Structures are given as structure tokens and as C-alpha cells.
PDB file of all heavy atoms in Angstrom:
ATOM      1  N   PRO A   1       3.149 -74.009  -2.003  1.00  0.00           N
ATOM      2  CA  PRO A   1       4.201 -73.569  -2.799  1.00  0.00           C
ATOM      3  C   PRO A   1       4.348 -74.752  -4.009  1.00  0.00           C
ATOM      4  O   PRO A   1       4.396 -75.756  -3.748  1.00  0.00           O
ATOM      5  CB  PRO A   1       5.356 -73.560  -2.010  1.00  0.00           C
ATOM      6  CG  PRO A   1       5.087 -74.520  -0.846  1.00  0.00           C
ATOM      7  CD  PRO A   1       3.614 -74.396  -0.619  1.00  0.00           C
ATOM      8  N   CYS A   2       4.510 -74.146  -5.201  1.00  0.00           N
ATOM      9  CA  CYS A   2       4.591 -75.076  -6.362  1.00  0.00           C
ATOM     10  C   CYS A   2       5.504 -74.320  -7.417  1.00  0.00           C
ATOM     11  O   CYS A   2       5.606 -73.047  -7.415  1.00  0.00           O
ATOM     12  CB  CYS A   2       3.254 -75.335  -7.117  1.00  0.00           C
ATOM     13  SG  CYS A   2       1.974 -76.073  -6.056  1.00  0.00           S
ATOM     14  N   SER A   3       6.102 -75.089  -8.235  1.00  0.00           N
ATOM     15  CA  SER A   3       6.943 -74.324  -9.325  1.00  0.00           C
ATOM     16  C   SER A   3       5.832 -74.185 -10.480  1.00  0.00           C
ATOM     17  O   SER A   3       5.225 -75.052 -10.967  1.00  0.00           O
ATOM     18  CB  SER A   3       8.083 -75.453  -9.861  1.00  0.00           C
ATOM     19  OG  SER A   3       7.556 -76.767 -10.233  1.00  0.00           O
ATOM     20  N   ALA A   4       5.981 -72.982 -10.942  1.00  0.00           N
ATOM     21  CA  ALA A   4       5.012 -72.505 -11.971  1.00  0.00           C
ATOM     22  C   ALA A   4       5.254 -73.117 -13.371  1.00  0.00           C
ATOM     23  O   ALA A   4       4.423 -73.228 -14.165  1.00  0.00           O
ATOM     24  CB  ALA A   4       5.060 -71.081 -12.068  1.00  0.00           C
ATOM     25  N   CYS A   5       6.470 -73.654 -13.494  1.00  0.00           N
ATOM     26  CA  CYS A   5       6.750 -74.200 -14.865  1.00  0.00           C
ATOM     27  C   CYS A   5       6.379 -75.630 -14.937  1.00  0.00           C
ATOM     28  O   CYS A   5       6.339 -76.284 -16.019  1.00  0.00           O
ATOM     29  CB  CYS A   5       8.275 -74.015 -15.118  1.00  0.00           C
ATOM     30  SG  CYS A   5       9.321 -75.106 -14.010  1.00  0.00           S
ATOM     31  N   THR A   6       6.000 -76.226 -13.831  1.00  0.00           N
ATOM     32  CA  THR A   6       5.632 -77.717 -13.934  1.00  0.00           C
ATOM     33  C   THR A   6       4.274 -77.891 -13.497  1.00  0.00           C
ATOM     34  O   THR A   6       3.702 -78.970 -13.616  1.00  0.00           O
ATOM     35  CB  THR A   6       6.568 -78.561 -12.924  1.00  0.00           C
ATOM     36  OG1 THR A   6       6.271 -78.186 -11.688  1.00  0.00           O
ATOM     37  CG2 THR A   6       7.951 -78.490 -13.348  1.00  0.00           C
ATOM     38  N   THR A   7       3.598 -76.836 -12.851  1.00  0.00           N
ATOM     39  CA  THR A   7       2.068 -76.994 -12.490  1.00  0.00           C
ATOM     40  C   THR A   7       1.196 -76.658 -13.450  1.00  0.00           C
ATOM     41  O   THR A   7       1.158 -75.478 -13.894  1.00  0.00           O
ATOM     42  CB  THR A   7       2.100 -76.159 -11.167  1.00  0.00           C
ATOM     43  OG1 THR A   7       2.959 -76.526 -10.191  1.00  0.00           O
ATOM     44  CG2 THR A   7       0.636 -76.269 -10.644  1.00  0.00           C
ATOM     45  N   PRO A   8       0.268 -77.595 -13.843  1.00  0.00           N
ATOM     46  CA  PRO A   8      -0.682 -77.277 -14.919  1.00  0.00           C
ATOM     47  C   PRO A   8      -1.899 -76.407 -14.300  1.00  0.00           C
ATOM     48  O   PRO A   8      -2.249 -76.531 -12.975  1.00  0.00           O
ATOM     49  CB  PRO A   8      -1.336 -78.570 -15.332  1.00  0.00           C
ATOM     50  CG  PRO A   8      -0.964 -79.588 -14.196  1.00  0.00           C
ATOM     51  CD  PRO A   8       0.313 -78.977 -13.407  1.00  0.00           C
ATOM     52  N   VAL A   9      -2.369 -75.561 -15.077  1.00  0.00           N
ATOM     53  CA  VAL A   9      -3.510 -74.774 -14.628  1.00  0.00           C
ATOM     54  C   VAL A   9      -4.786 -75.492 -14.402  1.00  0.00           C
ATOM     55  O   VAL A   9      -4.990 -76.575 -15.197  1.00  0.00           O
ATOM     56  CB  VAL A   9      -3.861 -73.454 -15.473  1.00  0.00           C
ATOM     57  CG1 VAL A   9      -2.575 -72.517 -15.468  1.00  0.00           C
ATOM     58  CG2 VAL A   9      -4.122 -73.952 -16.889  1.00  0.00           C
ATOM     59  N   THR A  10      -5.589 -75.148 -13.403  1.00  0.00           N
ATOM     60  CA  THR A  10      -6.907 -75.765 -13.275  1.00  0.00           C
ATOM     61  C   THR A  10      -7.949 -74.725 -13.006  1.00  0.00           C
ATOM     62  O   THR A  10      -7.643 -73.588 -12.729  1.00  0.00           O
ATOM     63  CB  THR A  10      -6.941 -76.788 -12.063  1.00  0.00           C
ATOM     64  OG1 THR A  10      -6.564 -75.912 -10.851  1.00  0.00           O
ATOM     65  CG2 THR A  10      -5.936 -77.978 -12.189  1.00  0.00           C
ATOM     66  N   GLU A  11      -9.275 -74.972 -13.230  1.00  0.00           N
ATOM     67  CA  GLU A  11     -10.307 -73.978 -13.173  1.00  0.00           C
ATOM     68  C   GLU A  11     -10.382 -73.503 -11.757  1.00  0.00           C
ATOM     69  O   GLU A  11     -10.353 -74.262 -10.647  1.00  0.00           O
ATOM     70  CB  GLU A  11     -11.644 -74.661 -13.510  1.00  0.00           C
ATOM     71  CG  GLU A  11     -12.761 -73.838 -13.359  1.00  0.00           C
ATOM     72  CD  GLU A  11     -12.790 -72.550 -14.188  1.00  0.00           C
ATOM     73  OE1 GLU A  11     -12.188 -72.584 -15.335  1.00  0.00           O
ATOM     74  OE2 GLU A  11     -13.414 -71.605 -13.782  1.00  0.00           O
ATOM     75  N   GLY A  12     -10.427 -72.257 -11.622  1.00  0.00           N
ATOM     76  CA  GLY A  12     -10.609 -71.538 -10.354  1.00  0.00           C
ATOM     77  C   GLY A  12      -9.275 -71.373  -9.554  1.00  0.00           C
ATOM     78  O   GLY A  12      -9.396 -71.002  -8.351  1.00  0.00           O
ATOM     79  N   MET A  13      -8.131 -71.908 -10.136  1.00  0.00           N
ATOM     80  CA  MET A  13      -6.865 -71.837  -9.380  1.00  0.00           C
ATOM     81  C   MET A  13      -6.549 -70.341  -8.768  1.00  0.00           C
ATOM     82  O   MET A  13      -6.679 -69.407  -9.569  1.00  0.00           O
ATOM     83  CB  MET A  13      -5.764 -72.351 -10.301  1.00  0.00           C
ATOM     84  CG  MET A  13      -4.335 -72.277  -9.725  1.00  0.00           C
ATOM     85  SD  MET A  13      -3.204 -72.817 -10.956  1.00  0.00           S
ATOM     86  CE  MET A  13      -3.177 -74.605 -10.738  1.00  0.00           C
ATOM     87  N   ILE A  14      -5.994 -70.228  -7.690  1.00  0.00           N
ATOM     88  CA  ILE A  14      -5.656 -68.987  -7.134  1.00  0.00           C
ATOM     89  C   ILE A  14      -4.111 -69.035  -6.908  1.00  0.00           C
ATOM     90  O   ILE A  14      -3.485 -69.863  -6.265  1.00  0.00           O
ATOM     91  CB  ILE A  14      -6.236 -68.797  -5.664  1.00  0.00           C
ATOM     92  CG1 ILE A  14      -7.747 -68.881  -5.755  1.00  0.00           C
ATOM     93  CG2 ILE A  14      -5.813 -67.445  -5.175  1.00  0.00           C
ATOM     94  CD1 ILE A  14      -8.421 -67.836  -6.607  1.00  0.00           C
ATOM     95  N   VAL A  15      -3.445 -68.173  -7.675  1.00  0.00           N
ATOM     96  CA  VAL A  15      -1.974 -68.093  -7.739  1.00  0.00           C
ATOM     97  C   VAL A  15      -1.466 -66.837  -7.135  1.00  0.00           C
ATOM     98  O   VAL A  15      -1.928 -65.733  -7.383  1.00  0.00           O
ATOM     99  CB  VAL A  15      -1.471 -68.213  -9.027  1.00  0.00           C
ATOM    100  CG1 VAL A  15       0.119 -68.221  -9.067  1.00  0.00           C
ATOM    101  CG2 VAL A  15      -1.921 -69.449  -9.778  1.00  0.00           C
ATOM    102  N   GLU A  16      -0.500 -66.956  -6.102  1.00  0.00           N
ATOM    103  CA  GLU A  16       0.166 -65.737  -5.624  1.00  0.00           C
ATOM    104  C   GLU A  16       1.583 -65.836  -6.170  1.00  0.00           C
ATOM    105  O   GLU A  16       2.333 -66.696  -6.053  1.00  0.00           O
ATOM    106  CB  GLU A  16       0.180 -65.868  -3.991  1.00  0.00           C
ATOM    107  CG  GLU A  16      -1.136 -65.838  -3.305  1.00  0.00           C
ATOM    108  CD  GLU A  16      -0.942 -66.035  -1.867  1.00  0.00           C
ATOM    109  OE1 GLU A  16      -0.362 -65.162  -1.201  1.00  0.00           O
ATOM    110  OE2 GLU A  16      -1.497 -67.159  -1.419  1.00  0.00           O
ATOM    111  N   ASN A  17       1.941 -64.631  -6.784  1.00  0.00           N
ATOM    112  CA  ASN A  17       3.343 -64.426  -7.407  1.00  0.00           C
ATOM    113  C   ASN A  17       4.112 -63.360  -6.890  1.00  0.00           C
ATOM    114  O   ASN A  17       5.301 -63.517  -6.563  1.00  0.00           O
ATOM    115  CB  ASN A  17       3.037 -64.401  -8.980  1.00  0.00           C
ATOM    116  CG  ASN A  17       4.345 -64.009  -9.653  1.00  0.00           C
ATOM    117  OD1 ASN A  17       5.361 -64.693  -9.604  1.00  0.00           O
ATOM    118  ND2 ASN A  17       4.354 -62.983 -10.367  1.00  0.00           N
ATOM    119  N   ASP A  18       3.479 -62.222  -6.679  1.00  0.00           N
ATOM    120  CA  ASP A  18       4.102 -60.966  -6.236  1.00  0.00           C
ATOM    121  C   ASP A  18       3.781 -60.827  -4.812  1.00  0.00           C
ATOM    122  O   ASP A  18       3.057 -59.765  -4.433  1.00  0.00           O
ATOM    123  CB  ASP A  18       3.551 -59.747  -7.207  1.00  0.00           C
ATOM    124  CG  ASP A  18       4.382 -58.589  -6.913  1.00  0.00           C
ATOM    125  OD1 ASP A  18       5.479 -58.695  -6.329  1.00  0.00           O
ATOM    126  OD2 ASP A  18       3.865 -57.590  -7.489  1.00  0.00           O
ATOM    127  N   THR A  19       4.479 -61.477  -3.922  1.00  0.00           N
ATOM    128  CA  THR A  19       4.383 -61.370  -2.406  1.00  0.00           C
ATOM    129  C   THR A  19       5.772 -61.074  -1.854  1.00  0.00           C
ATOM    130  O   THR A  19       6.618 -61.434  -2.533  1.00  0.00           O
ATOM    131  CB  THR A  19       3.757 -62.582  -1.789  1.00  0.00           C
ATOM    132  OG1 THR A  19       4.690 -63.610  -1.872  1.00  0.00           O
ATOM    133  CG2 THR A  19       2.424 -62.937  -2.433  1.00  0.00           C
ATOM    134  N   GLU A  20       5.765 -60.361  -0.737  1.00  0.00           N
ATOM    135  CA  GLU A  20       6.991 -60.028  -0.135  1.00  0.00           C
ATOM    136  C   GLU A  20       7.885 -61.318   0.185  1.00  0.00           C
ATOM    137  O   GLU A  20       9.135 -61.334  -0.107  1.00  0.00           O
ATOM    138  CB  GLU A  20       6.783 -59.301   1.081  1.00  0.00           C
ATOM    139  CG  GLU A  20       8.093 -58.878   1.948  1.00  0.00           C
ATOM    140  CD  GLU A  20       7.703 -57.920   3.012  1.00  0.00           C
ATOM    141  OE1 GLU A  20       6.624 -57.480   3.174  1.00  0.00           O
ATOM    142  OE2 GLU A  20       8.591 -57.674   3.744  1.00  0.00           O
ATOM    143  N   SER A  21       7.285 -62.360   0.666  1.00  0.00           N
ATOM    144  CA  SER A  21       7.942 -63.598   0.979  1.00  0.00           C
ATOM    145  C   SER A  21       8.553 -64.232  -0.088  1.00  0.00           C
ATOM    146  O   SER A  21       9.631 -64.778  -0.282  1.00  0.00           O
ATOM    147  CB  SER A  21       6.996 -64.522   1.833  1.00  0.00           C
ATOM    148  OG  SER A  21       5.944 -64.906   1.048  1.00  0.00           O
ATOM    149  N   LEU A  22       7.733 -64.310  -1.340  1.00  0.00           N
ATOM    150  CA  LEU A  22       8.164 -64.907  -2.559  1.00  0.00           C
ATOM    151  C   LEU A  22       9.404 -64.101  -3.156  1.00  0.00           C
ATOM    152  O   LEU A  22      10.377 -64.684  -3.625  1.00  0.00           O
ATOM    153  CB  LEU A  22       7.109 -65.155  -3.548  1.00  0.00           C
ATOM    154  CG  LEU A  22       6.118 -66.260  -3.363  1.00  0.00           C
ATOM    155  CD1 LEU A  22       5.015 -66.128  -4.341  1.00  0.00           C
ATOM    156  CD2 LEU A  22       6.770 -67.616  -3.484  1.00  0.00           C
ATOM    157  N   LEU A  23       9.203 -62.806  -3.140  1.00  0.00           N
ATOM    158  CA  LEU A  23      10.222 -61.981  -3.767  1.00  0.00           C
ATOM    159  C   LEU A  23      11.592 -62.137  -2.958  1.00  0.00           C
ATOM    160  O   LEU A  23      12.629 -62.144  -3.514  1.00  0.00           O
ATOM    161  CB  LEU A  23       9.855 -60.517  -3.671  1.00  0.00           C
ATOM    162  CG  LEU A  23       8.678 -60.135  -4.624  1.00  0.00           C
ATOM    163  CD1 LEU A  23       8.265 -58.672  -4.460  1.00  0.00           C
ATOM    164  CD2 LEU A  23       9.019 -60.360  -6.092  1.00  0.00           C
ATOM    165  N   GLU A  24      11.447 -62.275  -1.649  1.00  0.00           N
ATOM    166  CA  GLU A  24      12.645 -62.452  -0.798  1.00  0.00           C
ATOM    167  C   GLU A  24      13.238 -63.867  -1.124  1.00  0.00           C
ATOM    168  O   GLU A  24      14.475 -63.985  -1.099  1.00  0.00           O
ATOM    169  CB  GLU A  24      12.336 -62.394   0.776  1.00  0.00           C
ATOM    170  CG  GLU A  24      13.437 -62.594   1.613  1.00  0.00           C
ATOM    171  CD  GLU A  24      14.603 -61.584   1.397  1.00  0.00           C
ATOM    172  OE1 GLU A  24      14.420 -60.577   0.930  1.00  0.00           O
ATOM    173  OE2 GLU A  24      15.700 -61.997   1.816  1.00  0.00           O
ATOM    174  N   PHE A  25      12.433 -64.859  -1.110  1.00  0.00           N
ATOM    175  CA  PHE A  25      12.859 -66.181  -1.585  1.00  0.00           C
ATOM    176  C   PHE A  25      13.679 -66.299  -2.812  1.00  0.00           C
ATOM    177  O   PHE A  25      14.780 -66.783  -2.946  1.00  0.00           O
ATOM    178  CB  PHE A  25      11.759 -67.201  -1.574  1.00  0.00           C
ATOM    179  CG  PHE A  25      12.110 -68.572  -2.257  1.00  0.00           C
ATOM    180  CD1 PHE A  25      12.737 -69.479  -1.520  1.00  0.00           C
ATOM    181  CD2 PHE A  25      11.701 -68.670  -3.587  1.00  0.00           C
ATOM    182  CE1 PHE A  25      13.122 -70.695  -2.203  1.00  0.00           C
ATOM    183  CE2 PHE A  25      12.093 -69.922  -4.094  1.00  0.00           C
ATOM    184  CZ  PHE A  25      12.687 -70.828  -3.492  1.00  0.00           C
ATOM    185  N   ARG A  26      13.149 -65.637  -3.934  1.00  0.00           N
ATOM    186  CA  ARG A  26      13.767 -65.510  -5.275  1.00  0.00           C
ATOM    187  C   ARG A  26      15.079 -64.793  -5.108  1.00  0.00           C
ATOM    188  O   ARG A  26      16.006 -65.101  -5.771  1.00  0.00           O
ATOM    189  CB  ARG A  26      12.827 -64.770  -6.262  1.00  0.00           C
ATOM    190  CG  ARG A  26      11.577 -65.749  -6.546  1.00  0.00           C
ATOM    191  CD  ARG A  26      10.526 -64.994  -7.253  1.00  0.00           C
ATOM    192  NE  ARG A  26       9.286 -65.781  -7.589  1.00  0.00           N
ATOM    193  CZ  ARG A  26       8.211 -65.412  -7.863  1.00  0.00           C
ATOM    194  NH1 ARG A  26       8.009 -64.031  -8.085  1.00  0.00           N
ATOM    195  NH2 ARG A  26       7.169 -66.234  -8.150  1.00  0.00           N
ATOM    196  N   LYS A  27      15.107 -63.624  -4.443  1.00  0.00           N
ATOM    197  CA  LYS A  27      16.350 -62.890  -4.251  1.00  0.00           C
ATOM    198  C   LYS A  27      17.358 -63.686  -3.703  1.00  0.00           C
ATOM    199  O   LYS A  27      18.613 -63.712  -4.113  1.00  0.00           O
ATOM    200  CB  LYS A  27      16.024 -61.599  -3.473  1.00  0.00           C
ATOM    201  CG  LYS A  27      17.272 -60.742  -3.317  1.00  0.00           C
ATOM    202  CD  LYS A  27      16.848 -59.367  -2.589  1.00  0.00           C
ATOM    203  CE  LYS A  27      17.941 -58.420  -2.627  1.00  0.00           C
ATOM    204  NZ  LYS A  27      17.580 -57.180  -1.923  1.00  0.00           N
ATOM    205  N   MET A  28      16.968 -64.467  -2.670  1.00  0.00           N
ATOM    206  CA  MET A  28      18.059 -65.312  -1.908  1.00  0.00           C
ATOM    207  C   MET A  28      18.526 -66.395  -2.818  1.00  0.00           C
ATOM    208  O   MET A  28      19.749 -66.695  -2.810  1.00  0.00           O
ATOM    209  CB  MET A  28      17.416 -66.011  -0.632  1.00  0.00           C
ATOM    210  CG  MET A  28      18.198 -66.801   0.168  1.00  0.00           C
ATOM    211  SD  MET A  28      17.503 -67.416   1.632  1.00  0.00           S
ATOM    212  CE  MET A  28      16.217 -68.332   0.983  1.00  0.00           C
ATOM    213  N   ALA A  29      17.649 -66.957  -3.681  1.00  0.00           N
ATOM    214  CA  ALA A  29      18.014 -68.026  -4.533  1.00  0.00           C
ATOM    215  C   ALA A  29      19.119 -67.454  -5.660  1.00  0.00           C
ATOM    216  O   ALA A  29      20.046 -68.206  -5.977  1.00  0.00           O
ATOM    217  CB  ALA A  29      16.824 -68.748  -5.236  1.00  0.00           C
ATOM    218  N   ILE A  30      18.717 -66.394  -6.165  1.00  0.00           N
ATOM    219  CA  ILE A  30      19.592 -65.683  -7.065  1.00  0.00           C
ATOM    220  C   ILE A  30      21.079 -65.436  -6.480  1.00  0.00           C
ATOM    221  O   ILE A  30      22.102 -65.673  -7.139  1.00  0.00           O
ATOM    222  CB  ILE A  30      19.018 -64.370  -7.680  1.00  0.00           C
ATOM    223  CG1 ILE A  30      17.743 -64.640  -8.498  1.00  0.00           C
ATOM    224  CG2 ILE A  30      20.025 -63.646  -8.446  1.00  0.00           C
ATOM    225  CD1 ILE A  30      16.927 -63.506  -8.708  1.00  0.00           C
ATOM    226  N   GLU A  31      20.955 -64.945  -5.276  1.00  0.00           N
ATOM    227  CA  GLU A  31      22.231 -64.732  -4.565  1.00  0.00           C
ATOM    228  C   GLU A  31      22.993 -66.018  -4.342  1.00  0.00           C
ATOM    229  O   GLU A  31      24.374 -65.965  -4.592  1.00  0.00           O
ATOM    230  CB  GLU A  31      22.068 -63.979  -3.279  1.00  0.00           C
ATOM    231  CG  GLU A  31      21.492 -62.643  -3.309  1.00  0.00           C
ATOM    232  CD  GLU A  31      21.258 -61.974  -1.907  1.00  0.00           C
ATOM    233  OE1 GLU A  31      21.992 -62.426  -0.944  1.00  0.00           O
ATOM    234  OE2 GLU A  31      20.293 -61.194  -1.712  1.00  0.00           O
ATOM    235  N   MET A  32      22.404 -67.085  -3.985  1.00  0.00           N
ATOM    236  CA  MET A  32      23.103 -68.320  -3.863  1.00  0.00           C
ATOM    237  C   MET A  32      23.656 -68.814  -5.102  1.00  0.00           C
ATOM    238  O   MET A  32      24.658 -69.411  -5.189  1.00  0.00           O
ATOM    239  CB  MET A  32      22.084 -69.334  -3.268  1.00  0.00           C
ATOM    240  CG  MET A  32      21.671 -68.873  -1.835  1.00  0.00           C
ATOM    241  SD  MET A  32      20.329 -70.097  -1.102  1.00  0.00           S
ATOM    242  CE  MET A  32      21.396 -71.607  -0.895  1.00  0.00           C
ATOM    243  N   LEU A  33      22.988 -68.546  -6.246  1.00  0.00           N
ATOM    244  CA  LEU A  33      23.590 -68.969  -7.577  1.00  0.00           C
ATOM    245  C   LEU A  33      24.892 -68.217  -7.845  1.00  0.00           C
ATOM    246  O   LEU A  33      25.817 -68.745  -8.408  1.00  0.00           O
ATOM    247  CB  LEU A  33      22.535 -68.701  -8.671  1.00  0.00           C
ATOM    248  CG  LEU A  33      21.478 -69.800  -8.715  1.00  0.00           C
ATOM    249  CD1 LEU A  33      20.390 -69.377  -9.764  1.00  0.00           C
ATOM    250  CD2 LEU A  33      21.990 -71.100  -9.048  1.00  0.00           C
ATOM    251  N   PHE A  34      24.931 -67.040  -7.496  1.00  0.00           N
ATOM    252  CA  PHE A  34      26.124 -66.087  -7.713  1.00  0.00           C
ATOM    253  C   PHE A  34      27.269 -66.616  -6.950  1.00  0.00           C
ATOM    254  O   PHE A  34      28.379 -66.687  -7.394  1.00  0.00           O
ATOM    255  CB  PHE A  34      25.731 -64.713  -7.374  1.00  0.00           C
ATOM    256  CG  PHE A  34      25.264 -63.838  -8.561  1.00  0.00           C
ATOM    257  CD1 PHE A  34      23.881 -63.494  -8.634  1.00  0.00           C
ATOM    258  CD2 PHE A  34      26.127 -63.515  -9.676  1.00  0.00           C
ATOM    259  CE1 PHE A  34      23.456 -62.790  -9.579  1.00  0.00           C
ATOM    260  CE2 PHE A  34      25.510 -62.884 -10.792  1.00  0.00           C
ATOM    261  CZ  PHE A  34      24.208 -62.493 -10.732  1.00  0.00           C
ATOM    262  N   VAL A  35      27.081 -66.947  -5.620  1.00  0.00           N
ATOM    263  CA  VAL A  35      28.191 -67.294  -4.819  1.00  0.00           C
ATOM    264  C   VAL A  35      28.614 -68.783  -5.007  1.00  0.00           C
ATOM    265  O   VAL A  35      29.674 -69.090  -4.621  1.00  0.00           O
ATOM    266  CB  VAL A  35      27.809 -67.116  -3.270  1.00  0.00           C
ATOM    267  CG1 VAL A  35      27.422 -65.539  -2.981  1.00  0.00           C
ATOM    268  CG2 VAL A  35      26.752 -67.985  -2.713  1.00  0.00           C
ATOM    269  N   GLU A  36      27.797 -69.615  -5.488  1.00  0.00           N
ATOM    270  CA  GLU A  36      28.074 -71.007  -5.718  1.00  0.00           C
ATOM    271  C   GLU A  36      29.093 -71.164  -6.837  1.00  0.00           C
ATOM    272  O   GLU A  36      29.843 -72.219  -6.855  1.00  0.00           O
ATOM    273  CB  GLU A  36      26.739 -71.814  -5.968  1.00  0.00           C
ATOM    274  CG  GLU A  36      26.949 -73.255  -6.058  1.00  0.00           C
ATOM    275  CD  GLU A  36      27.421 -73.839  -7.399  1.00  0.00           C
ATOM    276  OE1 GLU A  36      27.182 -73.080  -8.398  1.00  0.00           O
ATOM    277  OE2 GLU A  36      28.050 -74.938  -7.365  1.00  0.00           O
ATOM    278  N   GLY A  37      29.052 -70.279  -7.744  1.00  0.00           N
ATOM    279  CA  GLY A  37      30.152 -70.367  -8.858  1.00  0.00           C
ATOM    280  C   GLY A  37      30.941 -69.348  -8.918  1.00  0.00           C
ATOM    281  O   GLY A  37      31.134 -68.632  -7.891  1.00  0.00           O
ATOM    282  N   ASN A  38      31.639 -69.152 -10.072  1.00  0.00           N
ATOM    283  CA  ASN A  38      32.588 -67.997 -10.154  1.00  0.00           C
ATOM    284  C   ASN A  38      32.011 -67.104 -11.382  1.00  0.00           C
ATOM    285  O   ASN A  38      32.289 -67.312 -12.436  1.00  0.00           O
ATOM    286  CB  ASN A  38      33.852 -68.482 -10.365  1.00  0.00           C
ATOM    287  CG  ASN A  38      34.508 -69.259  -9.362  1.00  0.00           C
ATOM    288  OD1 ASN A  38      34.349 -68.973  -8.153  1.00  0.00           O
ATOM    289  ND2 ASN A  38      35.208 -70.329  -9.702  1.00  0.00           N
ATOM    290  N   HIS A  39      31.251 -66.035 -10.906  1.00  0.00           N
ATOM    291  CA  HIS A  39      30.593 -65.098 -11.987  1.00  0.00           C
ATOM    292  C   HIS A  39      31.295 -63.790 -11.922  1.00  0.00           C
ATOM    293  O   HIS A  39      31.107 -63.001 -11.010  1.00  0.00           O
ATOM    294  CB  HIS A  39      29.198 -65.072 -11.663  1.00  0.00           C
ATOM    295  CG  HIS A  39      28.459 -66.408 -11.700  1.00  0.00           C
ATOM    296  ND1 HIS A  39      28.026 -66.934 -12.925  1.00  0.00           N
ATOM    297  CD2 HIS A  39      27.985 -67.322 -10.749  1.00  0.00           C
ATOM    298  CE1 HIS A  39      27.359 -68.105 -12.670  1.00  0.00           C
ATOM    299  NE2 HIS A  39      27.426 -68.361 -11.435  1.00  0.00           N
ATOM    300  N   PHE A  40      32.233 -63.628 -12.815  1.00  0.00           N
ATOM    301  CA  PHE A  40      32.796 -62.185 -12.805  1.00  0.00           C
ATOM    302  C   PHE A  40      32.114 -61.473 -14.140  1.00  0.00           C
ATOM    303  O   PHE A  40      32.697 -61.567 -15.266  1.00  0.00           O
ATOM    304  CB  PHE A  40      34.345 -62.392 -13.145  1.00  0.00           C
ATOM    305  CG  PHE A  40      34.925 -63.215 -12.046  1.00  0.00           C
ATOM    306  CD1 PHE A  40      35.324 -64.456 -12.163  1.00  0.00           C
ATOM    307  CD2 PHE A  40      35.217 -62.530 -10.720  1.00  0.00           C
ATOM    308  CE1 PHE A  40      35.895 -65.266 -11.192  1.00  0.00           C
ATOM    309  CE2 PHE A  40      35.727 -63.385  -9.751  1.00  0.00           C
ATOM    310  CZ  PHE A  40      36.093 -64.644  -9.891  1.00  0.00           C
ATOM    311  N   CYS A  41      31.018 -60.818 -13.894  1.00  0.00           N
ATOM    312  CA  CYS A  41      30.197 -60.332 -14.824  1.00  0.00           C
ATOM    313  C   CYS A  41      31.050 -59.364 -15.817  1.00  0.00           C
ATOM    314  O   CYS A  41      30.876 -59.229 -16.974  1.00  0.00           O
ATOM    315  CB  CYS A  41      29.042 -59.561 -14.312  1.00  0.00           C
ATOM    316  SG  CYS A  41      27.779 -60.587 -13.538  1.00  0.00           S
ATOM    317  N   MET A  42      31.877 -58.446 -15.251  1.00  0.00           N
ATOM    318  CA  MET A  42      32.713 -57.523 -16.088  1.00  0.00           C
ATOM    319  C   MET A  42      33.579 -58.107 -16.967  1.00  0.00           C
ATOM    320  O   MET A  42      33.958 -57.485 -17.925  1.00  0.00           O
ATOM    321  CB  MET A  42      33.368 -56.528 -15.101  1.00  0.00           C
ATOM    322  CG  MET A  42      34.567 -57.087 -14.293  1.00  0.00           C
ATOM    323  SD  MET A  42      34.013 -58.314 -13.064  1.00  0.00           S
ATOM    324  CE  MET A  42      33.266 -57.206 -11.913  1.00  0.00           C
ATOM    325  N   PHE A  43      33.938 -59.489 -16.918  1.00  0.00           N
ATOM    326  CA  PHE A  43      34.886 -60.105 -17.795  1.00  0.00           C
ATOM    327  C   PHE A  43      34.156 -61.029 -18.671  1.00  0.00           C
ATOM    328  O   PHE A  43      34.755 -61.734 -19.394  1.00  0.00           O
ATOM    329  CB  PHE A  43      35.951 -60.717 -16.964  1.00  0.00           C
ATOM    330  CG  PHE A  43      36.774 -59.777 -16.274  1.00  0.00           C
ATOM    331  CD1 PHE A  43      36.825 -59.841 -14.910  1.00  0.00           C
ATOM    332  CD2 PHE A  43      37.395 -58.639 -16.798  1.00  0.00           C
ATOM    333  CE1 PHE A  43      37.730 -58.941 -14.073  1.00  0.00           C
ATOM    334  CE2 PHE A  43      38.203 -57.807 -16.069  1.00  0.00           C
ATOM    335  CZ  PHE A  43      38.282 -57.855 -14.730  1.00  0.00           C
ATOM    336  N   CYS A  44      32.863 -61.223 -18.392  1.00  0.00           N
ATOM    337  CA  CYS A  44      32.198 -62.484 -19.121  1.00  0.00           C
ATOM    338  C   CYS A  44      31.569 -61.998 -20.370  1.00  0.00           C
ATOM    339  O   CYS A  44      31.012 -60.863 -20.533  1.00  0.00           O
ATOM    340  CB  CYS A  44      30.942 -62.876 -18.078  1.00  0.00           C
ATOM    341  SG  CYS A  44      30.056 -64.363 -18.999  1.00  0.00           S
TER     342      CYS A  44
END
């Protein structure tokens, strides 16, 4: 696992982006951002 925004490309690099486990991890991270703050989208 690496952050795509900080990892430089190299010749022959194999990258997995669209996998079930990564999508679930990202979904969980987004949910955590929502509950950590006070986000009332309808009034923002």
C-alpha cells in the first residue's frame, strides 16, 4: 500500500486502484471524515 499522491512512478510498476478492498477502505475513510466533524450538507 502507498499513497498515489506521494509515490513516484517507476518503470514496470504494477498499480492496483480499483479493488474491492481499496474501495471499502476509501468508503470507510470518507465516512470517518463525515462523523469526525459537523457536516450539515443541506445548510452548507
